[in-house]
Amino acid sequence: MSKAIVRFLAILGALWLIGMVIVMVAVIGMRGKVPSKTILEANFEQTFMEDIPDTPSAQLLLSEKQTLRDVVDTIDRGASDGRVVGMIARIGAARMGMAQTQEIRDAVQRFRAHKKFAVAYSETFGEFGPGNGAYYLATAFDHIYLQPSGDVGLTGIIMESPFIKGALSKLGMTFHGDHRYEYKSALNFYTETKYTGPDKEAMTAIMTSWFNQMKDGICQARHIAPEKFQALVDAGPYLGKEAVTAQLVDAIAYRDEVYNDVKSKAGDGAELLYLDKYLGRAGVRTIVGRRWRWCSASATSLAARAITIPSETARIWGRIRWRARFERRRKTRT
């Protein structure tokens, strides 16, 4: 009886693996092909999730949402793909944090290191508001276009924190809590009416670090003398023609003009392909943990890639194999 169960489970597991291979081959076949001359197209006017939770609701509602890892993997995949000749990205006022901005910026620089062009286009960097992060990202590209009616909001960094102690007092409410040390400022929101000395010191240090990193990146990319950068920021924001004169952007142009220039630079027969579609065609979808993900893979060795099995399934399959091996040894001995 036990041998029959083991054999049944072994057959069931084998059928599951065969079914998964068939599904993968079918999915790969339906994805389409990457054109022989491809221009990657990206939209960086949106925010990207760090990860999609494993909950059923998140998988259902956010399955098509791009994560930051997807974007970086796709750019790196395109950098080593001979079919990809360049990249164009639309950059705007997306509220992207410094860490995400630098992740994408580094990926674009790695892409350019493979002798491929990268063009950034923006309708506006900040709309007369702070556009530091968006412009900092754009400087990773070798050519920056700005719409004629746009502007560059390179105006420096400001950090703000709200305090509600005064509002609570007017409502007759008092917050009871304590700080572990002076730099532990999480409760200052409730217990203070303004920045304390240590809290202001910490925030200033963060702000100064961000500013210096942006300054170094922008000055290196746009060939600006570091000692002139502060004066450049103090004079901002810049209208379109002013930004060209200050060498912050390379040219002013409308979207259709930019795309025509990019296609001309890529050569005859070049086709645009969004990042997610490109990764779907050039990558291999595997199971990582409990999630399906497109992973970087060589287009010439798709069939050689293995399927990663979830941990629970792997344990069950391991027990089946161990039991079958044990039965074979016992039969041999008898």
C-alpha atoms as a PDB file:
ATOM      1  CA  MET A   1       0.000   0.000   0.000  1.00  0.00           C
ATOM      2  CA  SER A   2       2.803   2.415   0.938  1.00  0.00           C
ATOM      3  CA  LYS A   3       4.630   1.677  -2.342  1.00  0.00           C
ATOM      4  CA  ALA A   4       1.500   2.502  -4.304  1.00  0.00           C
ATOM      5  CA  ILE A   5       1.114   5.834  -2.491  1.00  0.00           C
ATOM      6  CA  VAL A   6       4.764   6.710  -3.099  1.00  0.00           C
ATOM      7  CA  ARG A   7       4.469   5.873  -6.783  1.00  0.00           C
ATOM      8  CA  PHE A   8       1.236   7.848  -7.092  1.00  0.00           C
ATOM      9  CA  LEU A   9       2.796  10.923  -5.481  1.00  0.00           C
ATOM     10  CA  ALA A  10       5.911  10.556  -7.619  1.00  0.00           C
ATOM     11  CA  ILE A  11       3.808  10.385 -10.786  1.00  0.00           C
ATOM     12  CA  LEU A  12       1.749  13.362  -9.588  1.00  0.00           C
ATOM     13  CA  GLY A  13       4.900  15.394  -8.983  1.00  0.00           C
ATOM     14  CA  ALA A  14       6.322  14.469 -12.381  1.00  0.00           C
ATOM     15  CA  LEU A  15       3.070  15.462 -14.099  1.00  0.00           C
ATOM     16  CA  TRP A  16       3.131  18.793 -12.226  1.00  0.00           C
ATOM     17  CA  LEU A  17       6.659  19.521 -13.448  1.00  0.00           C
ATOM     18  CA  ILE A  18       5.797  18.537 -17.016  1.00  0.00           C
ATOM     19  CA  GLY A  19       2.703  20.744 -16.872  1.00  0.00           C
ATOM     20  CA  MET A  20       4.751  23.699 -15.625  1.00  0.00           C
ATOM     21  CA  VAL A  21       7.258  23.260 -18.468  1.00  0.00           C
ATOM     22  CA  ILE A  22       4.426  23.147 -21.015  1.00  0.00           C
ATOM     23  CA  VAL A  23       2.871  26.299 -19.531  1.00  0.00           C
ATOM     24  CA  MET A  24       6.218  28.115 -19.612  1.00  0.00           C
ATOM     25  CA  VAL A  25       6.845  27.142 -23.237  1.00  0.00           C
ATOM     26  CA  ALA A  26       3.336  28.336 -24.161  1.00  0.00           C
ATOM     27  CA  VAL A  27       3.785  31.632 -22.308  1.00  0.00           C
ATOM     28  CA  ILE A  28       7.189  32.226 -23.902  1.00  0.00           C
ATOM     29  CA  GLY A  29       5.686  31.564 -27.315  1.00  0.00           C
ATOM     30  CA  MET A  30       2.864  34.069 -26.768  1.00  0.00           C
ATOM     31  CA  ARG A  31       5.104  36.866 -25.520  1.00  0.00           C
ATOM     32  CA  GLY A  32       6.389  37.775 -28.928  1.00  0.00           C
ATOM     33  CA  LYS A  33       9.920  38.532 -30.034  1.00  0.00           C
ATOM     34  CA  VAL A  34      12.308  41.368 -29.379  1.00  0.00           C
ATOM     35  CA  PRO A  35      12.911  43.342 -32.616  1.00  0.00           C
ATOM     36  CA  SER A  36      16.414  43.137 -34.020  1.00  0.00           C
ATOM     37  CA  LYS A  37      16.828  46.877 -33.391  1.00  0.00           C
ATOM     38  CA  THR A  38      15.040  47.931 -30.210  1.00  0.00           C
ATOM     39  CA  ILE A  39      14.770  51.234 -28.352  1.00  0.00           C
ATOM     40  CA  LEU A  40      13.697  50.753 -24.739  1.00  0.00           C
ATOM     41  CA  GLU A  41      10.979  53.184 -23.626  1.00  0.00           C
ATOM     42  CA  ALA A  42      10.507  54.073 -19.963  1.00  0.00           C
ATOM     43  CA  ASN A  43       8.070  56.207 -18.020  1.00  0.00           C
ATOM     44  CA  PHE A  44       9.712  57.602 -14.905  1.00  0.00           C
ATOM     45  CA  GLU A  45       6.837  59.957 -14.145  1.00  0.00           C
ATOM     46  CA  GLN A  46       5.414  57.229 -11.926  1.00  0.00           C
ATOM     47  CA  THR A  47       6.451  55.743  -8.624  1.00  0.00           C
ATOM     48  CA  PHE A  48       7.557  52.116  -8.326  1.00  0.00           C
ATOM     49  CA  MET A  49       6.764  49.701  -5.532  1.00  0.00           C
ATOM     50  CA  GLU A  50       9.654  48.077  -3.713  1.00  0.00           C
ATOM     51  CA  ASP A  51       7.865  44.734  -3.643  1.00  0.00           C
ATOM     52  CA  ILE A  52       4.418  43.223  -4.061  1.00  0.00           C
ATOM     53  CA  PRO A  53       3.179  41.444  -0.894  1.00  0.00           C
ATOM     54  CA  ASP A  54       2.355  37.742  -1.021  1.00  0.00           C
ATOM     55  CA  THR A  55      -1.249  38.297   0.075  1.00  0.00           C
ATOM     56  CA  PRO A  56      -3.943  37.144  -2.405  1.00  0.00           C
ATOM     57  CA  SER A  57      -5.485  40.620  -2.633  1.00  0.00           C
ATOM     58  CA  ALA A  58      -2.141  42.248  -3.432  1.00  0.00           C
ATOM     59  CA  GLN A  59      -1.327  39.589  -6.022  1.00  0.00           C
ATOM     60  CA  LEU A  60      -4.699  40.186  -7.671  1.00  0.00           C
ATOM     61  CA  LEU A  61      -4.677  43.994  -7.624  1.00  0.00           C
ATOM     62  CA  LEU A  62      -0.963  44.688  -8.078  1.00  0.00           C
ATOM     63  CA  SER A  63       0.198  41.821 -10.297  1.00  0.00           C
ATOM     64  CA  GLU A  64       0.728  44.164 -13.277  1.00  0.00           C
ATOM     65  CA  LYS A  65       2.449  46.848 -11.206  1.00  0.00           C
ATOM     66  CA  GLN A  66       6.142  47.299 -11.915  1.00  0.00           C
ATOM     67  CA  THR A  67       8.530  47.101  -8.995  1.00  0.00           C
ATOM     68  CA  LEU A  68      11.822  48.937  -8.715  1.00  0.00           C
ATOM     69  CA  ARG A  69      13.656  45.620  -9.059  1.00  0.00           C
ATOM     70  CA  ASP A  70      11.814  44.936 -12.324  1.00  0.00           C
ATOM     71  CA  VAL A  71      12.902  48.299 -13.749  1.00  0.00           C
ATOM     72  CA  VAL A  72      16.561  47.900 -12.766  1.00  0.00           C
ATOM     73  CA  ASP A  73      16.686  44.289 -14.010  1.00  0.00           C
ATOM     74  CA  THR A  74      15.170  45.313 -17.337  1.00  0.00           C
ATOM     75  CA  ILE A  75      17.671  48.113 -17.928  1.00  0.00           C
ATOM     76  CA  ASP A  76      20.553  45.790 -17.035  1.00  0.00           C
ATOM     77  CA  ARG A  77      19.113  43.102 -19.305  1.00  0.00           C
ATOM     78  CA  GLY A  78      18.907  45.571 -22.176  1.00  0.00           C
ATOM     79  CA  ALA A  79      22.468  46.748 -21.602  1.00  0.00           C
ATOM     80  CA  SER A  80      23.860  43.318 -22.488  1.00  0.00           C
ATOM     81  CA  ASP A  81      21.362  42.589 -25.282  1.00  0.00           C
ATOM     82  CA  GLY A  82      22.777  43.221 -28.751  1.00  0.00           C
ATOM     83  CA  ARG A  83      19.276  43.874 -30.096  1.00  0.00           C
ATOM     84  CA  VAL A  84      18.854  46.927 -27.860  1.00  0.00           C
ATOM     85  CA  VAL A  85      20.479  50.031 -29.344  1.00  0.00           C
ATOM     86  CA  GLY A  86      19.311  52.743 -26.964  1.00  0.00           C
ATOM     87  CA  MET A  87      16.774  54.024 -24.497  1.00  0.00           C
ATOM     88  CA  ILE A  88      14.383  56.953 -24.135  1.00  0.00           C
ATOM     89  CA  ALA A  89      12.733  57.899 -20.859  1.00  0.00           C
ATOM     90  CA  ARG A  90      10.061  60.364 -19.897  1.00  0.00           C
ATOM     91  CA  ILE A  91      10.940  62.032 -16.614  1.00  0.00           C
ATOM     92  CA  GLY A  92       8.752  64.374 -14.606  1.00  0.00           C
ATOM     93  CA  ALA A  93       7.510  65.186 -11.158  1.00  0.00           C
ATOM     94  CA  ALA A  94       7.049  61.679  -9.753  1.00  0.00           C
ATOM     95  CA  ARG A  95       7.545  61.567  -6.009  1.00  0.00           C
ATOM     96  CA  MET A  96      10.440  59.137  -6.126  1.00  0.00           C
ATOM     97  CA  GLY A  97      12.689  58.914  -3.085  1.00  0.00           C
ATOM     98  CA  MET A  98      16.420  59.464  -3.176  1.00  0.00           C
ATOM     99  CA  ALA A  99      17.201  55.749  -2.895  1.00  0.00           C
ATOM    100  CA  GLN A 100      14.957  54.786  -5.835  1.00  0.00           C
ATOM    101  CA  THR A 101      16.283  57.673  -7.914  1.00  0.00           C
ATOM    102  CA  GLN A 102      19.853  56.545  -7.379  1.00  0.00           C
ATOM    103  CA  GLU A 103      19.022  52.884  -8.113  1.00  0.00           C
ATOM    104  CA  ILE A 104      17.573  53.817 -11.508  1.00  0.00           C
ATOM    105  CA  ARG A 105      20.272  56.408 -12.162  1.00  0.00           C
ATOM    106  CA  ASP A 106      23.018  53.833 -11.588  1.00  0.00           C
ATOM    107  CA  ALA A 107      21.247  51.369 -13.893  1.00  0.00           C
ATOM    108  CA  VAL A 108      21.082  53.980 -16.676  1.00  0.00           C
ATOM    109  CA  GLN A 109      24.789  54.689 -16.283  1.00  0.00           C
ATOM    110  CA  ARG A 110      25.562  50.970 -16.549  1.00  0.00           C
ATOM    111  CA  PHE A 111      23.421  50.910 -19.690  1.00  0.00           C
ATOM    112  CA  ARG A 112      25.403  53.758 -21.239  1.00  0.00           C
ATOM    113  CA  ALA A 113      28.660  52.030 -20.336  1.00  0.00           C
ATOM    114  CA  HIS A 114      27.783  49.475 -23.034  1.00  0.00           C
ATOM    115  CA  LYS A 115      28.068  52.245 -25.686  1.00  0.00           C
ATOM    116  CA  LYS A 116      24.299  52.669 -26.044  1.00  0.00           C
ATOM    117  CA  PHE A 117      22.561  56.038 -26.159  1.00  0.00           C
ATOM    118  CA  ALA A 118      20.132  57.155 -23.473  1.00  0.00           C
ATOM    119  CA  VAL A 119      17.814  60.142 -23.982  1.00  0.00           C
ATOM    120  CA  ALA A 120      15.677  61.852 -21.340  1.00  0.00           C
ATOM    121  CA  TYR A 121      12.626  63.950 -22.156  1.00  0.00           C
ATOM    122  CA  SER A 122      10.583  66.077 -19.779  1.00  0.00           C
ATOM    123  CA  GLU A 123       7.644  68.418 -20.049  1.00  0.00           C
ATOM    124  CA  THR A 124       8.891  70.100 -16.888  1.00  0.00           C
ATOM    125  CA  PHE A 125      11.250  69.446 -14.015  1.00  0.00           C
ATOM    126  CA  GLY A 126       9.148  70.649 -11.112  1.00  0.00           C
ATOM    127  CA  GLU A 127       6.607  73.062 -12.662  1.00  0.00           C
ATOM    128  CA  PHE A 128       8.183  76.014 -10.798  1.00  0.00           C
ATOM    129  CA  GLY A 129       8.455  73.792  -7.723  1.00  0.00           C
ATOM    130  CA  PRO A 130      11.237  71.514  -6.501  1.00  0.00           C
ATOM    131  CA  GLY A 131      12.376  69.312  -9.361  1.00  0.00           C
ATOM    132  CA  ASN A 132      15.754  68.352  -7.947  1.00  0.00           C
ATOM    133  CA  GLY A 133      15.205  64.583  -7.850  1.00  0.00           C
ATOM    134  CA  ALA A 134      13.768  64.371 -11.358  1.00  0.00           C
ATOM    135  CA  TYR A 135      16.558  66.482 -12.816  1.00  0.00           C
ATOM    136  CA  TYR A 136      19.178  64.506 -10.870  1.00  0.00           C
ATOM    137  CA  LEU A 137      17.825  61.327 -12.498  1.00  0.00           C
ATOM    138  CA  ALA A 138      17.800  62.951 -15.950  1.00  0.00           C
ATOM    139  CA  THR A 139      21.509  63.782 -15.729  1.00  0.00           C
ATOM    140  CA  ALA A 140      22.296  60.056 -15.917  1.00  0.00           C
ATOM    141  CA  PHE A 141      21.247  60.251 -19.598  1.00  0.00           C
ATOM    142  CA  ASP A 142      23.619  61.521 -22.253  1.00  0.00           C
ATOM    143  CA  HIS A 143      21.039  63.883 -23.779  1.00  0.00           C
ATOM    144  CA  ILE A 144      18.264  65.863 -22.030  1.00  0.00           C
ATOM    145  CA  TYR A 145      15.333  67.425 -23.886  1.00  0.00           C
ATOM    146  CA  LEU A 146      12.897  69.892 -22.310  1.00  0.00           C
ATOM    147  CA  GLN A 147       9.550  70.969 -23.685  1.00  0.00           C
ATOM    148  CA  PRO A 148       9.631  74.672 -24.749  1.00  0.00           C
ATOM    149  CA  SER A 149       7.074  75.652 -22.113  1.00  0.00           C
ATOM    150  CA  GLY A 150       8.817  73.671 -19.391  1.00  0.00           C
ATOM    151  CA  ASP A 151      11.262  74.673 -16.696  1.00  0.00           C
ATOM    152  CA  VAL A 152      14.022  73.213 -14.535  1.00  0.00           C
ATOM    153  CA  GLY A 153      13.223  73.489 -10.832  1.00  0.00           C
ATOM    154  CA  LEU A 154      16.759  73.043  -9.564  1.00  0.00           C
ATOM    155  CA  THR A 155      16.125  75.048  -6.402  1.00  0.00           C
ATOM    156  CA  GLY A 156      17.778  73.116  -3.581  1.00  0.00           C
ATOM    157  CA  ILE A 157      16.353  70.898  -0.856  1.00  0.00           C
ATOM    158  CA  ILE A 158      13.983  71.696   1.976  1.00  0.00           C
ATOM    159  CA  MET A 159      12.749  69.369   4.718  1.00  0.00           C
ATOM    160  CA  GLU A 160       9.689  69.983   6.870  1.00  0.00           C
ATOM    161  CA  SER A 161       8.210  68.257   9.897  1.00  0.00           C
ATOM    162  CA  PRO A 162       4.767  68.909  11.442  1.00  0.00           C
ATOM    163  CA  PHE A 163       4.261  69.279  15.203  1.00  0.00           C
ATOM    164  CA  ILE A 164       0.832  68.975  16.878  1.00  0.00           C
ATOM    165  CA  LYS A 165       1.565  69.669  20.538  1.00  0.00           C
ATOM    166  CA  GLY A 166       0.000  73.126  20.269  1.00  0.00           C
ATOM    167  CA  ALA A 167      -3.121  71.751  18.584  1.00  0.00           C
ATOM    168  CA  LEU A 168      -3.479  69.079  21.272  1.00  0.00           C
ATOM    169  CA  SER A 169      -3.180  71.736  23.981  1.00  0.00           C
ATOM    170  CA  LYS A 170      -6.038  73.752  22.458  1.00  0.00           C
ATOM    171  CA  LEU A 171      -8.151  70.595  22.559  1.00  0.00           C
ATOM    172  CA  GLY A 172      -7.263  70.024  26.205  1.00  0.00           C
ATOM    173  CA  MET A 173      -5.260  66.924  25.374  1.00  0.00           C
ATOM    174  CA  THR A 174      -1.807  65.961  26.597  1.00  0.00           C
ATOM    175  CA  PHE A 175       0.388  63.300  25.071  1.00  0.00           C
ATOM    176  CA  HIS A 176       2.271  61.139  27.554  1.00  0.00           C
ATOM    177  CA  GLY A 177       5.486  59.598  26.259  1.00  0.00           C
ATOM    178  CA  ASP A 178       9.226  59.800  26.538  1.00  0.00           C
ATOM    179  CA  HIS A 179      12.317  59.705  24.330  1.00  0.00           C
ATOM    180  CA  ARG A 180      15.032  57.128  24.729  1.00  0.00           C
ATOM    181  CA  TYR A 181      17.779  59.570  23.727  1.00  0.00           C
ATOM    182  CA  GLU A 182      17.890  63.096  22.343  1.00  0.00           C
ATOM    183  CA  TYR A 183      18.289  61.953  18.731  1.00  0.00           C
ATOM    184  CA  LYS A 184      15.276  59.620  18.935  1.00  0.00           C
ATOM    185  CA  SER A 185      12.821  62.104  17.449  1.00  0.00           C
ATOM    186  CA  ALA A 186       9.844  59.919  16.500  1.00  0.00           C
ATOM    187  CA  LEU A 187       7.711  61.328  19.342  1.00  0.00           C
ATOM    188  CA  ASN A 188       8.622  64.959  18.645  1.00  0.00           C
ATOM    189  CA  PHE A 189       5.524  65.107  16.469  1.00  0.00           C
ATOM    190  CA  TYR A 190       3.455  64.917  19.670  1.00  0.00           C
ATOM    191  CA  THR A 191       5.739  66.468  22.293  1.00  0.00           C
ATOM    192  CA  GLU A 192       7.278  69.506  20.593  1.00  0.00           C
ATOM    193  CA  THR A 193       6.202  72.718  18.894  1.00  0.00           C
ATOM    194  CA  LYS A 194       9.409  73.119  16.868  1.00  0.00           C
ATOM    195  CA  TYR A 195      12.651  71.342  16.069  1.00  0.00           C
ATOM    196  CA  THR A 196      14.851  70.502  19.029  1.00  0.00           C
ATOM    197  CA  GLY A 197      18.589  71.054  18.686  1.00  0.00           C
ATOM    198  CA  PRO A 198      19.511  67.377  18.117  1.00  0.00           C
ATOM    199  CA  ASP A 199      16.534  66.810  15.790  1.00  0.00           C
ATOM    200  CA  LYS A 200      17.474  69.823  13.674  1.00  0.00           C
ATOM    201  CA  GLU A 201      21.094  68.659  13.608  1.00  0.00           C
ATOM    202  CA  ALA A 202      20.096  65.201  12.353  1.00  0.00           C
ATOM    203  CA  MET A 203      17.734  66.543   9.692  1.00  0.00           C
ATOM    204  CA  THR A 204      20.332  69.045   8.498  1.00  0.00           C
ATOM    205  CA  ALA A 205      22.925  66.279   8.208  1.00  0.00           C
ATOM    206  CA  ILE A 206      20.577  64.173   6.053  1.00  0.00           C
ATOM    207  CA  MET A 207      19.638  67.148   3.894  1.00  0.00           C
ATOM    208  CA  THR A 208      23.289  68.162   3.419  1.00  0.00           C
ATOM    209  CA  SER A 209      24.248  64.606   2.466  1.00  0.00           C
ATOM    210  CA  TRP A 210      21.486  64.424  -0.152  1.00  0.00           C
ATOM    211  CA  PHE A 211      22.433  67.814  -1.563  1.00  0.00           C
ATOM    212  CA  ASN A 212      26.116  66.909  -1.838  1.00  0.00           C
ATOM    213  CA  GLN A 213      25.329  63.620  -3.585  1.00  0.00           C
ATOM    214  CA  MET A 214      23.107  65.433  -6.075  1.00  0.00           C
ATOM    215  CA  LYS A 215      25.730  68.116  -6.595  1.00  0.00           C
ATOM    216  CA  ASP A 216      28.470  65.574  -7.296  1.00  0.00           C
ATOM    217  CA  GLY A 217      26.295  63.623  -9.738  1.00  0.00           C
ATOM    218  CA  ILE A 218      24.967  66.651 -11.612  1.00  0.00           C
ATOM    219  CA  CYS A 219      28.337  68.406 -11.828  1.00  0.00           C
ATOM    220  CA  GLN A 220      30.049  65.289 -13.140  1.00  0.00           C
ATOM    221  CA  ALA A 221      27.339  64.571 -15.703  1.00  0.00           C
ATOM    222  CA  ARG A 222      26.866  68.145 -16.970  1.00  0.00           C
ATOM    223  CA  HIS A 223      30.522  69.208 -16.639  1.00  0.00           C
ATOM    224  CA  ILE A 224      29.763  71.969 -14.150  1.00  0.00           C
ATOM    225  CA  ALA A 225      32.448  73.240 -11.813  1.00  0.00           C
ATOM    226  CA  PRO A 226      31.451  72.207  -8.244  1.00  0.00           C
ATOM    227  CA  GLU A 227      32.212  75.682  -6.864  1.00  0.00           C
ATOM    228  CA  LYS A 228      29.633  77.167  -9.272  1.00  0.00           C
ATOM    229  CA  PHE A 229      26.843  74.746  -8.399  1.00  0.00           C
ATOM    230  CA  GLN A 230      25.496  76.643  -5.385  1.00  0.00           C
ATOM    231  CA  ALA A 231      25.158  79.831  -7.427  1.00  0.00           C
ATOM    232  CA  LEU A 232      23.373  77.823 -10.115  1.00  0.00           C
ATOM    233  CA  VAL A 233      20.866  76.535  -7.558  1.00  0.00           C
ATOM    234  CA  ASP A 234      20.356  79.983  -6.033  1.00  0.00           C
ATOM    235  CA  ALA A 235      19.455  81.377  -9.471  1.00  0.00           C
ATOM    236  CA  GLY A 236      16.790  78.714 -10.154  1.00  0.00           C
ATOM    237  CA  PRO A 237      14.230  77.869 -11.382  1.00  0.00           C
ATOM    238  CA  TYR A 238      15.056  78.166 -15.075  1.00  0.00           C
ATOM    239  CA  LEU A 239      12.746  78.549 -18.055  1.00  0.00           C
ATOM    240  CA  GLY A 240      13.405  76.497 -21.188  1.00  0.00           C
ATOM    241  CA  LYS A 241      15.839  78.772 -23.014  1.00  0.00           C
ATOM    242  CA  GLU A 242      17.488  79.782 -19.747  1.00  0.00           C
ATOM    243  CA  ALA A 243      18.102  76.105 -18.949  1.00  0.00           C
ATOM    244  CA  VAL A 244      19.788  75.617 -22.331  1.00  0.00           C
ATOM    245  CA  THR A 245      21.967  78.690 -21.774  1.00  0.00           C
ATOM    246  CA  ALA A 246      22.948  77.409 -18.321  1.00  0.00           C
ATOM    247  CA  GLN A 247      23.790  74.026 -19.934  1.00  0.00           C
ATOM    248  CA  LEU A 248      21.323  72.224 -17.698  1.00  0.00           C
ATOM    249  CA  VAL A 249      19.554  70.710 -20.728  1.00  0.00           C
ATOM    250  CA  ASP A 250      20.788  70.066 -24.241  1.00  0.00           C
ATOM    251  CA  ALA A 251      17.810  71.275 -26.259  1.00  0.00           C
ATOM    252  CA  ILE A 252      14.157  72.279 -26.109  1.00  0.00           C
ATOM    253  CA  ALA A 253      11.763  70.248 -28.238  1.00  0.00           C
ATOM    254  CA  TYR A 254       8.294  68.765 -28.289  1.00  0.00           C
ATOM    255  CA  ARG A 255       7.664  65.071 -27.756  1.00  0.00           C
ATOM    256  CA  ASP A 256       7.250  64.124 -31.420  1.00  0.00           C
ATOM    257  CA  GLU A 257      10.489  65.934 -32.305  1.00  0.00           C
ATOM    258  CA  VAL A 258      12.346  64.063 -29.583  1.00  0.00           C
ATOM    259  CA  TYR A 259      11.059  60.680 -30.740  1.00  0.00           C
ATOM    260  CA  ASN A 260      11.919  61.462 -34.359  1.00  0.00           C
ATOM    261  CA  ASP A 261      15.451  62.358 -33.307  1.00  0.00           C
ATOM    262  CA  VAL A 262      15.793  59.158 -31.267  1.00  0.00           C
ATOM    263  CA  LYS A 263      14.567  56.964 -34.130  1.00  0.00           C
ATOM    264  CA  SER A 264      16.956  58.736 -36.495  1.00  0.00           C
ATOM    265  CA  LYS A 265      19.815  58.104 -34.087  1.00  0.00           C
ATOM    266  CA  ALA A 266      18.899  54.406 -33.811  1.00  0.00           C
ATOM    267  CA  GLY A 267      18.737  53.911 -37.571  1.00  0.00           C
ATOM    268  CA  ASP A 268      16.232  52.421 -39.989  1.00  0.00           C
ATOM    269  CA  GLY A 269      13.946  49.699 -38.678  1.00  0.00           C
ATOM    270  CA  ALA A 270      14.272  50.593 -34.984  1.00  0.00           C
ATOM    271  CA  GLU A 271      11.196  49.892 -32.864  1.00  0.00           C
ATOM    272  CA  LEU A 272      10.143  51.200 -29.456  1.00  0.00           C
ATOM    273  CA  LEU A 273       9.419  48.722 -26.671  1.00  0.00           C
ATOM    274  CA  TYR A 274       8.280  49.554 -23.138  1.00  0.00           C
ATOM    275  CA  LEU A 275      10.383  48.148 -20.313  1.00  0.00           C
ATOM    276  CA  ASP A 276       7.783  45.684 -19.033  1.00  0.00           C
ATOM    277  CA  LYS A 277       7.067  44.326 -22.528  1.00  0.00           C
ATOM    278  CA  TYR A 278      10.759  43.978 -23.262  1.00  0.00           C
ATOM    279  CA  LEU A 279      11.453  42.027 -20.069  1.00  0.00           C
ATOM    280  CA  GLY A 280       8.421  39.868 -20.765  1.00  0.00           C
ATOM    281  CA  ARG A 281       9.896  38.917 -24.131  1.00  0.00           C
ATOM    282  CA  ALA A 282      13.589  38.796 -23.291  1.00  0.00           C
ATOM    283  CA  GLY A 283      13.469  37.362 -19.769  1.00  0.00           C
ATOM    284  CA  VAL A 284      12.430  34.058 -18.228  1.00  0.00           C
ATOM    285  CA  ARG A 285       9.578  33.855 -15.778  1.00  0.00           C
ATOM    286  CA  THR A 286      10.443  31.723 -12.767  1.00  0.00           C
ATOM    287  CA  ILE A 287       9.023  31.094  -9.330  1.00  0.00           C
ATOM    288  CA  VAL A 288      10.887  32.970  -6.596  1.00  0.00           C
ATOM    289  CA  GLY A 289       9.577  32.096  -3.147  1.00  0.00           C
ATOM    290  CA  ARG A 290       5.832  32.119  -3.754  1.00  0.00           C
ATOM    291  CA  ARG A 291       5.802  34.704  -6.534  1.00  0.00           C
ATOM    292  CA  TRP A 292       6.120  34.606 -10.275  1.00  0.00           C
ATOM    293  CA  ARG A 293       8.843  36.978 -11.483  1.00  0.00           C
ATOM    294  CA  TRP A 294      10.483  37.812 -14.784  1.00  0.00           C
ATOM    295  CA  CYS A 295      14.164  37.218 -14.241  1.00  0.00           C
ATOM    296  CA  SER A 296      17.084  38.264 -16.428  1.00  0.00           C
ATOM    297  CA  ALA A 297      18.054  35.509 -18.823  1.00  0.00           C
ATOM    298  CA  SER A 298      19.939  35.116 -22.065  1.00  0.00           C
ATOM    299  CA  ALA A 299      17.565  35.004 -25.013  1.00  0.00           C
ATOM    300  CA  THR A 300      19.665  32.230 -26.554  1.00  0.00           C
ATOM    301  CA  SER A 301      19.291  29.833 -23.652  1.00  0.00           C
ATOM    302  CA  LEU A 302      15.659  30.082 -22.627  1.00  0.00           C
ATOM    303  CA  ALA A 303      15.093  26.346 -22.776  1.00  0.00           C
ATOM    304  CA  ALA A 304      18.064  25.654 -20.527  1.00  0.00           C
ATOM    305  CA  ARG A 305      16.714  27.633 -17.587  1.00  0.00           C
ATOM    306  CA  ALA A 306      15.428  25.677 -14.591  1.00  0.00           C
ATOM    307  CA  ILE A 307      12.221  26.191 -12.654  1.00  0.00           C
ATOM    308  CA  THR A 308      12.644  27.229  -9.041  1.00  0.00           C
ATOM    309  CA  ILE A 309      10.157  25.281  -6.927  1.00  0.00           C
ATOM    310  CA  PRO A 310       8.502  26.869  -3.842  1.00  0.00           C
ATOM    311  CA  SER A 311       9.953  25.704  -0.533  1.00  0.00           C
ATOM    312  CA  GLU A 312       6.846  23.745   0.573  1.00  0.00           C
ATOM    313  CA  THR A 313       6.695  21.824  -2.706  1.00  0.00           C
ATOM    314  CA  ALA A 314      10.429  21.179  -2.566  1.00  0.00           C
ATOM    315  CA  ARG A 315      10.133  19.638   0.896  1.00  0.00           C
ATOM    316  CA  ILE A 316       7.282  17.351  -0.180  1.00  0.00           C
ATOM    317  CA  TRP A 317       9.135  16.318  -3.320  1.00  0.00           C
ATOM    318  CA  GLY A 318      12.253  15.655  -1.254  1.00  0.00           C
ATOM    319  CA  ARG A 319      10.337  13.363   1.077  1.00  0.00           C
ATOM    320  CA  ILE A 320       8.899  11.442  -1.888  1.00  0.00           C
ATOM    321  CA  ARG A 321      12.341  10.955  -3.420  1.00  0.00           C
ATOM    322  CA  TRP A 322      13.850   9.936  -0.061  1.00  0.00           C
ATOM    323  CA  ARG A 323      11.044   7.411   0.530  1.00  0.00           C
ATOM    324  CA  ALA A 324      11.426   5.951  -2.965  1.00  0.00           C
ATOM    325  CA  ARG A 325      15.184   5.635  -2.507  1.00  0.00           C
ATOM    326  CA  PHE A 326      14.704   3.930   0.870  1.00  0.00           C
ATOM    327  CA  GLU A 327      12.253   1.420  -0.621  1.00  0.00           C
ATOM    328  CA  ARG A 328      14.662   0.592  -3.448  1.00  0.00           C
ATOM    329  CA  ARG A 329      17.543  -0.045  -1.017  1.00  0.00           C
ATOM    330  CA  ARG A 330      15.405  -2.224   1.225  1.00  0.00           C
ATOM    331  CA  LYS A 331      14.238  -4.245  -1.768  1.00  0.00           C
ATOM    332  CA  THR A 332      17.846  -4.699  -2.921  1.00  0.00           C
ATOM    333  CA  ARG A 333      18.943  -5.962   0.469  1.00  0.00           C
ATOM    334  CA  THR A 334      16.112  -8.477   0.733  1.00  0.00           C
END
